[in-house]
Amino acid sequence: MAWLTFQQLRKLRKDHLKQQYNITLYPYQEVISDAILSAILTNLNVTTAEDVEKLKLIELAIEISRQAGKTEAIVNTVGEIMVFVSEIYNIPINIGIF
């Protein structure tokens, strides 16, 4: 399978969550999820040592009220990455959440 664009990955997330779990992310959850997907795609395009040196640390500060779905957005995004992105790109993906 060919590499996915950011928009294709967003559509895959939306379709998968709706079909498998009957979940639709709220717009503020999509912002969180999109930032994670963007960081993953940026890092997947790294092919040389020079590319690695150019990478910038991406820290996502999330400030949303309690019980608003922060963890749900992150977990669903990580699930998509682990299932689809690692399969499509045929590489193992490690994700740290601190």
N, C-alpha and C. Protein backbone atom coordinates (compact mmCIF):
# COMPACT_ATOMS: atom_id res chain seq x y z
N MET A 1 0.84 -1.17 0.00
CA MET A 1 0.00 0.00 0.00
C MET A 1 0.89 1.24 0.00
N ALA A 2 0.47 2.26 -0.71
CA ALA A 2 1.24 3.50 -0.80
C ALA A 2 1.14 4.29 0.50
N TRP A 3 2.08 5.18 0.68
CA TRP A 3 2.06 6.04 1.85
C TRP A 3 0.83 6.92 1.83
N LEU A 4 0.36 7.27 3.00
CA LEU A 4 -0.84 8.08 3.11
C LEU A 4 -0.50 9.56 3.30
N THR A 5 -1.35 10.41 2.77
CA THR A 5 -1.24 11.83 3.05
C THR A 5 -1.91 12.08 4.40
N PHE A 6 -1.69 13.26 4.92
CA PHE A 6 -2.31 13.63 6.19
C PHE A 6 -3.83 13.55 6.08
N GLN A 7 -4.39 14.05 5.00
CA GLN A 7 -5.85 14.03 4.83
C GLN A 7 -6.38 12.60 4.71
N GLN A 8 -5.65 11.72 4.06
CA GLN A 8 -6.06 10.32 3.95
C GLN A 8 -6.03 9.65 5.32
N LEU A 9 -5.03 9.97 6.11
CA LEU A 9 -4.92 9.41 7.45
C LEU A 9 -6.05 9.91 8.34
N ARG A 10 -6.41 11.17 8.21
CA ARG A 10 -7.55 11.72 8.97
C ARG A 10 -8.85 11.00 8.59
N LYS A 11 -9.05 10.77 7.29
CA LYS A 11 -10.25 10.08 6.84
C LYS A 11 -10.26 8.64 7.34
N LEU A 12 -9.13 7.98 7.30
CA LEU A 12 -9.02 6.61 7.81
C LEU A 12 -9.40 6.57 9.29
N ARG A 13 -8.91 7.55 10.07
CA ARG A 13 -9.26 7.62 11.49
C ARG A 13 -10.76 7.79 11.67
N LYS A 14 -11.32 8.75 10.97
CA LYS A 14 -12.75 9.03 11.10
C LYS A 14 -13.59 7.81 10.74
N ASP A 15 -13.30 7.19 9.60
CA ASP A 15 -14.07 6.03 9.15
C ASP A 15 -13.92 4.84 10.09
N HIS A 16 -12.69 4.59 10.54
CA HIS A 16 -12.44 3.46 11.44
C HIS A 16 -13.17 3.64 12.76
N LEU A 17 -13.07 4.82 13.36
CA LEU A 17 -13.73 5.05 14.64
C LEU A 17 -15.25 4.93 14.52
N LYS A 18 -15.79 5.40 13.42
CA LYS A 18 -17.24 5.34 13.22
C LYS A 18 -17.69 3.90 12.98
N GLN A 19 -16.99 3.18 12.12
CA GLN A 19 -17.40 1.82 11.77
C GLN A 19 -17.18 0.83 12.92
N GLN A 20 -16.04 0.92 13.59
CA GLN A 20 -15.70 -0.07 14.60
C GLN A 20 -16.29 0.23 15.98
N TYR A 21 -16.37 1.51 16.34
CA TYR A 21 -16.75 1.87 17.71
C TYR A 21 -17.92 2.83 17.78
N ASN A 22 -18.44 3.26 16.62
CA ASN A 22 -19.51 4.24 16.56
C ASN A 22 -19.14 5.51 17.33
N ILE A 23 -17.89 5.95 17.13
CA ILE A 23 -17.35 7.15 17.80
C ILE A 23 -17.07 8.21 16.75
N THR A 24 -17.44 9.42 17.05
CA THR A 24 -17.05 10.59 16.26
C THR A 24 -16.36 11.55 17.21
N LEU A 25 -15.13 11.92 16.87
CA LEU A 25 -14.39 12.84 17.72
C LEU A 25 -15.00 14.24 17.64
N TYR A 26 -15.00 14.93 18.77
CA TYR A 26 -15.40 16.33 18.79
C TYR A 26 -14.29 17.16 18.12
N PRO A 27 -14.61 18.35 17.62
CA PRO A 27 -13.58 19.16 16.95
C PRO A 27 -12.33 19.39 17.80
N TYR A 28 -12.48 19.64 19.11
CA TYR A 28 -11.28 19.86 19.94
C TYR A 28 -10.49 18.56 20.11
N GLN A 29 -11.15 17.40 20.04
CA GLN A 29 -10.43 16.13 20.07
C GLN A 29 -9.69 15.90 18.76
N GLU A 30 -10.28 16.34 17.65
CA GLU A 30 -9.61 16.21 16.36
C GLU A 30 -8.32 17.03 16.33
N VAL A 31 -8.32 18.19 16.97
CA VAL A 31 -7.11 19.03 17.02
C VAL A 31 -5.98 18.25 17.71
N ILE A 32 -6.31 17.59 18.82
CA ILE A 32 -5.32 16.79 19.55
C ILE A 32 -4.84 15.65 18.66
N SER A 33 -5.77 14.91 18.10
CA SER A 33 -5.44 13.76 17.26
C SER A 33 -4.64 14.18 16.03
N ASP A 34 -5.05 15.28 15.39
CA ASP A 34 -4.34 15.77 14.20
C ASP A 34 -2.89 16.12 14.52
N ALA A 35 -2.65 16.71 15.67
CA ALA A 35 -1.28 17.08 16.05
C ALA A 35 -0.41 15.83 16.19
N ILE A 36 -0.98 14.78 16.76
CA ILE A 36 -0.23 13.53 16.91
C ILE A 36 0.04 12.91 15.54
N LEU A 37 -0.98 12.86 14.70
CA LEU A 37 -0.80 12.28 13.36
C LEU A 37 0.22 13.07 12.54
N SER A 38 0.19 14.38 12.65
CA SER A 38 1.13 15.21 11.93
C SER A 38 2.57 14.92 12.38
N ALA A 39 2.76 14.78 13.68
CA ALA A 39 4.10 14.47 14.20
C ALA A 39 4.58 13.12 13.70
N ILE A 40 3.69 12.14 13.68
CA ILE A 40 4.06 10.79 13.20
C ILE A 40 4.46 10.86 11.73
N LEU A 41 3.65 11.51 10.91
CA LEU A 41 3.97 11.59 9.48
C LEU A 41 5.28 12.33 9.24
N THR A 42 5.53 13.38 10.00
CA THR A 42 6.79 14.11 9.86
C THR A 42 7.97 13.20 10.16
N ASN A 43 7.88 12.42 11.22
CA ASN A 43 8.97 11.53 11.60
C ASN A 43 9.13 10.36 10.64
N LEU A 44 8.05 9.92 10.01
CA LEU A 44 8.15 8.82 9.05
C LEU A 44 8.89 9.23 7.78
N ASN A 45 8.96 10.51 7.50
CA ASN A 45 9.66 10.98 6.31
C ASN A 45 11.16 11.14 6.52
N VAL A 46 11.63 10.81 7.70
CA VAL A 46 13.06 10.91 8.00
C VAL A 46 13.78 9.72 7.37
N THR A 47 14.79 10.01 6.55
CA THR A 47 15.51 8.93 5.88
C THR A 47 17.02 9.00 6.05
N THR A 48 17.55 10.16 6.43
CA THR A 48 19.00 10.30 6.55
C THR A 48 19.37 10.86 7.92
N ALA A 49 20.64 10.78 8.23
CA ALA A 49 21.13 11.34 9.49
C ALA A 49 20.90 12.85 9.54
N GLU A 50 21.03 13.51 8.39
CA GLU A 50 20.78 14.95 8.35
C GLU A 50 19.32 15.25 8.68
N ASP A 51 18.41 14.41 8.19
CA ASP A 51 16.99 14.59 8.50
C ASP A 51 16.73 14.45 9.99
N VAL A 52 17.40 13.49 10.61
CA VAL A 52 17.23 13.28 12.06
C VAL A 52 17.69 14.52 12.82
N GLU A 53 18.80 15.10 12.41
CA GLU A 53 19.31 16.29 13.08
C GLU A 53 18.38 17.49 12.93
N LYS A 54 17.60 17.53 11.86
CA LYS A 54 16.69 18.64 11.62
C LYS A 54 15.36 18.49 12.37
N LEU A 55 15.10 17.30 12.90
CA LEU A 55 13.83 17.09 13.59
C LEU A 55 13.70 18.02 14.80
N LYS A 56 12.49 18.47 15.03
CA LYS A 56 12.21 19.30 16.18
C LYS A 56 11.34 18.52 17.14
N LEU A 57 11.64 18.67 18.42
CA LEU A 57 10.82 18.05 19.44
C LEU A 57 9.43 18.65 19.39
N ILE A 58 8.44 17.79 19.39
CA ILE A 58 7.06 18.26 19.36
C ILE A 58 6.42 17.91 20.69
N GLU A 59 6.11 18.93 21.45
CA GLU A 59 5.42 18.73 22.72
C GLU A 59 4.01 19.27 22.58
N LEU A 60 3.06 18.47 23.00
CA LEU A 60 1.67 18.87 22.89
C LEU A 60 1.13 19.13 24.29
N ALA A 61 0.90 20.38 24.60
CA ALA A 61 0.29 20.73 25.88
C ALA A 61 -1.22 20.79 25.66
N ILE A 62 -1.93 20.02 26.44
CA ILE A 62 -3.39 19.93 26.28
C ILE A 62 -4.05 20.41 27.56
N GLU A 63 -4.85 21.44 27.44
CA GLU A 63 -5.56 21.96 28.59
C GLU A 63 -7.05 22.00 28.26
N ILE A 64 -7.74 20.99 28.72
CA ILE A 64 -9.18 20.86 28.52
C ILE A 64 -9.76 20.39 29.84
N SER A 65 -10.97 20.79 30.12
CA SER A 65 -11.59 20.46 31.40
C SER A 65 -11.66 18.94 31.62
N ARG A 66 -11.82 18.57 32.86
CA ARG A 66 -11.94 17.16 33.23
C ARG A 66 -13.12 16.51 32.51
N GLN A 67 -12.96 15.24 32.21
CA GLN A 67 -14.02 14.44 31.59
C GLN A 67 -14.43 14.95 30.20
N ALA A 68 -13.54 15.64 29.52
CA ALA A 68 -13.88 16.19 28.20
C ALA A 68 -13.42 15.31 27.05
N GLY A 69 -12.67 14.25 27.34
CA GLY A 69 -12.29 13.33 26.28
C GLY A 69 -10.86 13.42 25.80
N LYS A 70 -9.96 14.00 26.62
CA LYS A 70 -8.55 14.08 26.22
C LYS A 70 -7.96 12.69 26.03
N THR A 71 -8.14 11.85 27.03
CA THR A 71 -7.58 10.51 26.99
C THR A 71 -8.19 9.70 25.85
N GLU A 72 -9.47 9.84 25.64
CA GLU A 72 -10.15 9.13 24.55
C GLU A 72 -9.55 9.50 23.20
N ALA A 73 -9.31 10.78 22.98
CA ALA A 73 -8.71 11.23 21.71
C ALA A 73 -7.32 10.64 21.53
N ILE A 74 -6.53 10.66 22.59
CA ILE A 74 -5.17 10.13 22.51
C ILE A 74 -5.17 8.62 22.29
N VAL A 75 -5.97 7.90 23.05
CA VAL A 75 -6.01 6.44 22.94
C VAL A 75 -6.49 6.02 21.56
N ASN A 76 -7.54 6.65 21.05
CA ASN A 76 -8.04 6.29 19.72
C ASN A 76 -7.01 6.59 18.64
N THR A 77 -6.28 7.67 18.79
CA THR A 77 -5.24 8.02 17.82
C THR A 77 -4.09 7.04 17.88
N VAL A 78 -3.65 6.72 19.07
CA VAL A 78 -2.55 5.75 19.23
C VAL A 78 -2.98 4.39 18.68
N GLY A 79 -4.21 4.01 18.92
CA GLY A 79 -4.72 2.74 18.38
C GLY A 79 -4.66 2.72 16.86
N GLU A 80 -5.06 3.81 16.24
CA GLU A 80 -5.00 3.89 14.78
C GLU A 80 -3.56 3.79 14.30
N ILE A 81 -2.67 4.49 14.96
CA ILE A 81 -1.26 4.46 14.57
C ILE A 81 -0.70 3.05 14.69
N MET A 82 -0.98 2.39 15.79
CA MET A 82 -0.44 1.06 16.01
C MET A 82 -1.01 0.04 15.03
N VAL A 83 -2.27 0.17 14.67
CA VAL A 83 -2.91 -0.78 13.77
C VAL A 83 -2.60 -0.47 12.31
N PHE A 84 -2.83 0.77 11.90
CA PHE A 84 -2.76 1.09 10.48
C PHE A 84 -1.40 1.61 10.03
N VAL A 85 -0.85 2.58 10.73
CA VAL A 85 0.38 3.21 10.26
C VAL A 85 1.54 2.23 10.26
N SER A 86 1.68 1.45 11.33
CA SER A 86 2.79 0.48 11.36
C SER A 86 2.63 -0.57 10.26
N GLU A 87 1.39 -0.91 9.93
CA GLU A 87 1.13 -1.89 8.86
C GLU A 87 1.41 -1.27 7.48
N ILE A 88 0.92 -0.08 7.25
CA ILE A 88 1.08 0.57 5.95
C ILE A 88 2.55 0.85 5.65
N TYR A 89 3.27 1.34 6.65
CA TYR A 89 4.68 1.69 6.46
C TYR A 89 5.63 0.53 6.72
N ASN A 90 5.06 -0.57 7.21
CA ASN A 90 5.84 -1.79 7.45
C ASN A 90 7.04 -1.56 8.37
N ILE A 91 6.80 -0.78 9.42
CA ILE A 91 7.84 -0.55 10.42
C ILE A 91 7.20 -0.57 11.81
N PRO A 92 7.96 -0.99 12.81
CA PRO A 92 7.42 -0.91 14.17
C PRO A 92 7.39 0.55 14.62
N ILE A 93 6.38 0.90 15.37
CA ILE A 93 6.25 2.27 15.88
C ILE A 93 6.17 2.22 17.39
N ASN A 94 6.99 3.02 18.03
CA ASN A 94 6.96 3.14 19.50
C ASN A 94 6.44 4.52 19.86
N ILE A 95 5.55 4.54 20.81
CA ILE A 95 4.96 5.81 21.24
C ILE A 95 5.10 5.93 22.74
N GLY A 96 5.59 7.09 23.18
CA GLY A 96 5.70 7.36 24.61
C GLY A 96 4.69 8.41 25.01
N ILE A 97 3.96 8.13 26.06
CA ILE A 97 2.99 9.10 26.59
C ILE A 97 3.37 9.36 28.03
N PHE A 98 3.67 10.61 28.32
CA PHE A 98 4.14 10.96 29.66
C PHE A 98 3.24 11.98 30.28
